[in-house]
Amino acid sequence: MEIVFSVTPESDGGFVAECLSHDIFTQGDDWNPLRTHVGKAVDAYFFDQQKADSIRVHLVGDEVVGAW
């Protein structure tokens, strides 16, 4: 089983991660702390269940393209 997180940058800095298949959310001030928090959140969520085989962290960015 693979767990996928959608990660979005916050306007005031840091990142928010939302799992696409389970009710797991976390945040971090920087990329490395976010990755740690995602791992801990997944471990806590599945504490009494089978663990995920892998965790995919997908950074989502918005780009504003002006009309031409």
N, C-alpha and C. Protein backbone atom coordinates (compact mmCIF):
# COMPACT_ATOMS: atom_id res chain seq x y z
N MET A 1 0.84 -1.18 0.00
CA MET A 1 0.00 0.00 0.00
C MET A 1 0.89 1.24 0.00
N GLU A 2 0.56 2.18 -0.86
CA GLU A 2 1.28 3.46 -0.91
C GLU A 2 0.34 4.56 -0.42
N ILE A 3 0.85 5.41 0.44
CA ILE A 3 0.11 6.56 0.95
C ILE A 3 0.63 7.79 0.20
N VAL A 4 -0.27 8.60 -0.33
CA VAL A 4 0.11 9.79 -1.10
C VAL A 4 -0.37 11.04 -0.37
N PHE A 5 0.55 12.00 -0.22
CA PHE A 5 0.23 13.28 0.38
C PHE A 5 0.36 14.38 -0.66
N SER A 6 -0.60 15.26 -0.67
CA SER A 6 -0.55 16.47 -1.48
C SER A 6 -0.03 17.58 -0.57
N VAL A 7 1.07 18.20 -0.97
CA VAL A 7 1.70 19.23 -0.15
C VAL A 7 1.56 20.57 -0.84
N THR A 8 1.08 21.56 -0.10
CA THR A 8 0.95 22.91 -0.65
C THR A 8 1.72 23.89 0.24
N PRO A 9 2.41 24.84 -0.39
CA PRO A 9 3.09 25.87 0.39
C PRO A 9 2.07 26.84 0.98
N GLU A 10 2.32 27.30 2.18
CA GLU A 10 1.48 28.29 2.84
C GLU A 10 1.96 29.69 2.48
N SER A 11 1.05 30.62 2.41
CA SER A 11 1.40 32.00 2.03
C SER A 11 2.33 32.65 3.05
N ASP A 12 2.25 32.25 4.32
CA ASP A 12 3.09 32.83 5.35
C ASP A 12 4.34 31.99 5.64
N GLY A 13 4.61 31.02 4.78
CA GLY A 13 5.77 30.14 4.94
C GLY A 13 5.36 28.77 5.43
N GLY A 14 6.19 27.81 5.18
CA GLY A 14 5.91 26.45 5.60
C GLY A 14 5.05 25.71 4.60
N PHE A 15 4.67 24.49 4.96
CA PHE A 15 3.92 23.61 4.08
C PHE A 15 2.82 22.90 4.85
N VAL A 16 1.75 22.55 4.14
CA VAL A 16 0.67 21.73 4.69
C VAL A 16 0.58 20.48 3.84
N ALA A 17 0.48 19.31 4.49
CA ALA A 17 0.38 18.04 3.79
C ALA A 17 -0.95 17.38 4.12
N GLU A 18 -1.65 16.92 3.08
CA GLU A 18 -2.94 16.27 3.23
C GLU A 18 -2.90 14.92 2.51
N CYS A 19 -3.21 13.86 3.23
CA CYS A 19 -3.26 12.53 2.63
C CYS A 19 -4.48 12.44 1.72
N LEU A 20 -4.30 11.86 0.54
CA LEU A 20 -5.38 11.78 -0.44
C LEU A 20 -6.33 10.61 -0.18
N SER A 21 -5.93 9.64 0.63
CA SER A 21 -6.76 8.46 0.82
C SER A 21 -7.22 8.24 2.27
N HIS A 22 -6.65 8.96 3.21
CA HIS A 22 -7.01 8.81 4.62
C HIS A 22 -7.07 10.19 5.26
N ASP A 23 -7.70 10.28 6.42
CA ASP A 23 -7.81 11.55 7.13
C ASP A 23 -6.55 11.84 7.93
N ILE A 24 -5.48 12.15 7.21
CA ILE A 24 -4.19 12.46 7.84
C ILE A 24 -3.74 13.82 7.31
N PHE A 25 -3.46 14.73 8.23
CA PHE A 25 -3.01 16.06 7.90
C PHE A 25 -1.84 16.41 8.80
N THR A 26 -0.90 17.19 8.27
CA THR A 26 0.20 17.68 9.09
C THR A 26 0.81 18.90 8.43
N GLN A 27 1.75 19.52 9.09
CA GLN A 27 2.40 20.70 8.53
C GLN A 27 3.83 20.78 9.01
N GLY A 28 4.62 21.62 8.35
CA GLY A 28 6.01 21.82 8.74
C GLY A 28 6.51 23.16 8.25
N ASP A 29 7.44 23.73 8.99
CA ASP A 29 7.99 25.04 8.63
C ASP A 29 8.93 24.96 7.44
N ASP A 30 9.49 23.78 7.20
CA ASP A 30 10.45 23.59 6.12
C ASP A 30 10.24 22.18 5.57
N TRP A 31 10.88 21.85 4.45
CA TRP A 31 10.65 20.58 3.77
C TRP A 31 11.06 19.38 4.63
N ASN A 32 12.25 19.42 5.22
CA ASN A 32 12.72 18.28 6.02
C ASN A 32 11.86 18.03 7.26
N PRO A 33 11.51 19.06 8.03
CA PRO A 33 10.59 18.81 9.15
C PRO A 33 9.22 18.29 8.67
N LEU A 34 8.76 18.76 7.54
CA LEU A 34 7.49 18.28 7.01
C LEU A 34 7.56 16.78 6.73
N ARG A 35 8.63 16.34 6.10
CA ARG A 35 8.79 14.91 5.81
C ARG A 35 8.78 14.08 7.10
N THR A 36 9.43 14.58 8.13
CA THR A 36 9.43 13.90 9.43
C THR A 36 8.03 13.85 10.00
N HIS A 37 7.30 14.96 9.93
CA HIS A 37 5.94 15.02 10.47
C HIS A 37 5.00 14.10 9.71
N VAL A 38 5.18 14.00 8.40
CA VAL A 38 4.35 13.08 7.60
C VAL A 38 4.58 11.65 8.06
N GLY A 39 5.82 11.26 8.22
CA GLY A 39 6.12 9.91 8.68
C GLY A 39 5.53 9.61 10.05
N LYS A 40 5.65 10.55 10.96
CA LYS A 40 5.10 10.36 12.31
C LYS A 40 3.57 10.31 12.28
N ALA A 41 2.96 11.15 11.43
CA ALA A 41 1.50 11.16 11.33
C ALA A 41 0.98 9.83 10.77
N VAL A 42 1.67 9.29 9.79
CA VAL A 42 1.27 8.01 9.21
C VAL A 42 1.45 6.90 10.24
N ASP A 43 2.55 6.90 10.97
CA ASP A 43 2.78 5.90 12.02
C ASP A 43 1.68 5.98 13.08
N ALA A 44 1.30 7.18 13.47
CA ALA A 44 0.26 7.35 14.49
C ALA A 44 -1.09 6.88 13.97
N TYR A 45 -1.40 7.19 12.73
CA TYR A 45 -2.68 6.82 12.15
C TYR A 45 -2.82 5.30 12.03
N PHE A 46 -1.75 4.64 11.65
CA PHE A 46 -1.77 3.19 11.44
C PHE A 46 -1.13 2.44 12.62
N PHE A 47 -1.18 3.01 13.83
CA PHE A 47 -0.47 2.41 14.96
C PHE A 47 -0.88 0.97 15.23
N ASP A 48 -2.12 0.60 14.95
CA ASP A 48 -2.58 -0.76 15.22
C ASP A 48 -2.97 -1.51 13.94
N GLN A 49 -2.49 -1.02 12.80
CA GLN A 49 -2.81 -1.63 11.52
C GLN A 49 -1.52 -1.87 10.74
N GLN A 50 -1.68 -2.52 9.59
CA GLN A 50 -0.53 -2.74 8.71
C GLN A 50 0.02 -1.40 8.24
N LYS A 51 1.33 -1.25 8.29
CA LYS A 51 1.98 -0.01 7.86
C LYS A 51 2.01 0.09 6.34
N ALA A 52 2.10 1.29 5.85
CA ALA A 52 2.22 1.54 4.41
C ALA A 52 3.57 1.04 3.91
N ASP A 53 3.60 0.57 2.67
CA ASP A 53 4.87 0.15 2.06
C ASP A 53 5.72 1.36 1.68
N SER A 54 5.03 2.43 1.28
CA SER A 54 5.75 3.65 0.90
C SER A 54 4.85 4.86 1.11
N ILE A 55 5.49 6.01 1.25
CA ILE A 55 4.78 7.28 1.40
C ILE A 55 5.29 8.21 0.31
N ARG A 56 4.38 8.70 -0.51
CA ARG A 56 4.74 9.64 -1.58
C ARG A 56 4.30 11.03 -1.14
N VAL A 57 5.23 11.98 -1.21
CA VAL A 57 4.97 13.37 -0.83
C VAL A 57 5.05 14.19 -2.11
N HIS A 58 3.90 14.70 -2.55
CA HIS A 58 3.79 15.39 -3.84
C HIS A 58 3.59 16.88 -3.60
N LEU A 59 4.57 17.69 -4.01
CA LEU A 59 4.48 19.14 -3.86
C LEU A 59 3.62 19.71 -4.97
N VAL A 60 2.58 20.44 -4.60
CA VAL A 60 1.65 21.04 -5.54
C VAL A 60 1.88 22.55 -5.52
N GLY A 61 2.06 23.12 -6.70
CA GLY A 61 2.26 24.56 -6.78
C GLY A 61 1.27 25.20 -7.72
N ASP A 62 0.83 26.37 -7.39
CA ASP A 62 -0.06 27.13 -8.26
C ASP A 62 0.79 28.15 -9.02
N GLU A 63 0.48 28.27 -10.28
CA GLU A 63 1.16 29.26 -11.10
C GLU A 63 0.11 30.15 -11.74
N VAL A 64 0.27 31.44 -11.60
CA VAL A 64 -0.66 32.39 -12.20
C VAL A 64 -0.08 32.81 -13.54
N VAL A 65 -0.84 32.57 -14.58
CA VAL A 65 -0.41 32.92 -15.92
C VAL A 65 -1.30 34.06 -16.41
N GLY A 66 -0.70 35.18 -16.72
CA GLY A 66 -1.47 36.33 -17.18
C GLY A 66 -2.06 36.09 -18.57
N ALA A 67 -3.16 36.72 -18.82
CA ALA A 67 -3.80 36.61 -20.15
C ALA A 67 -2.98 37.42 -21.15
N TRP A 68 -2.88 36.90 -22.35
CA TRP A 68 -2.16 37.63 -23.38
C TRP A 68 -2.96 37.76 -24.61
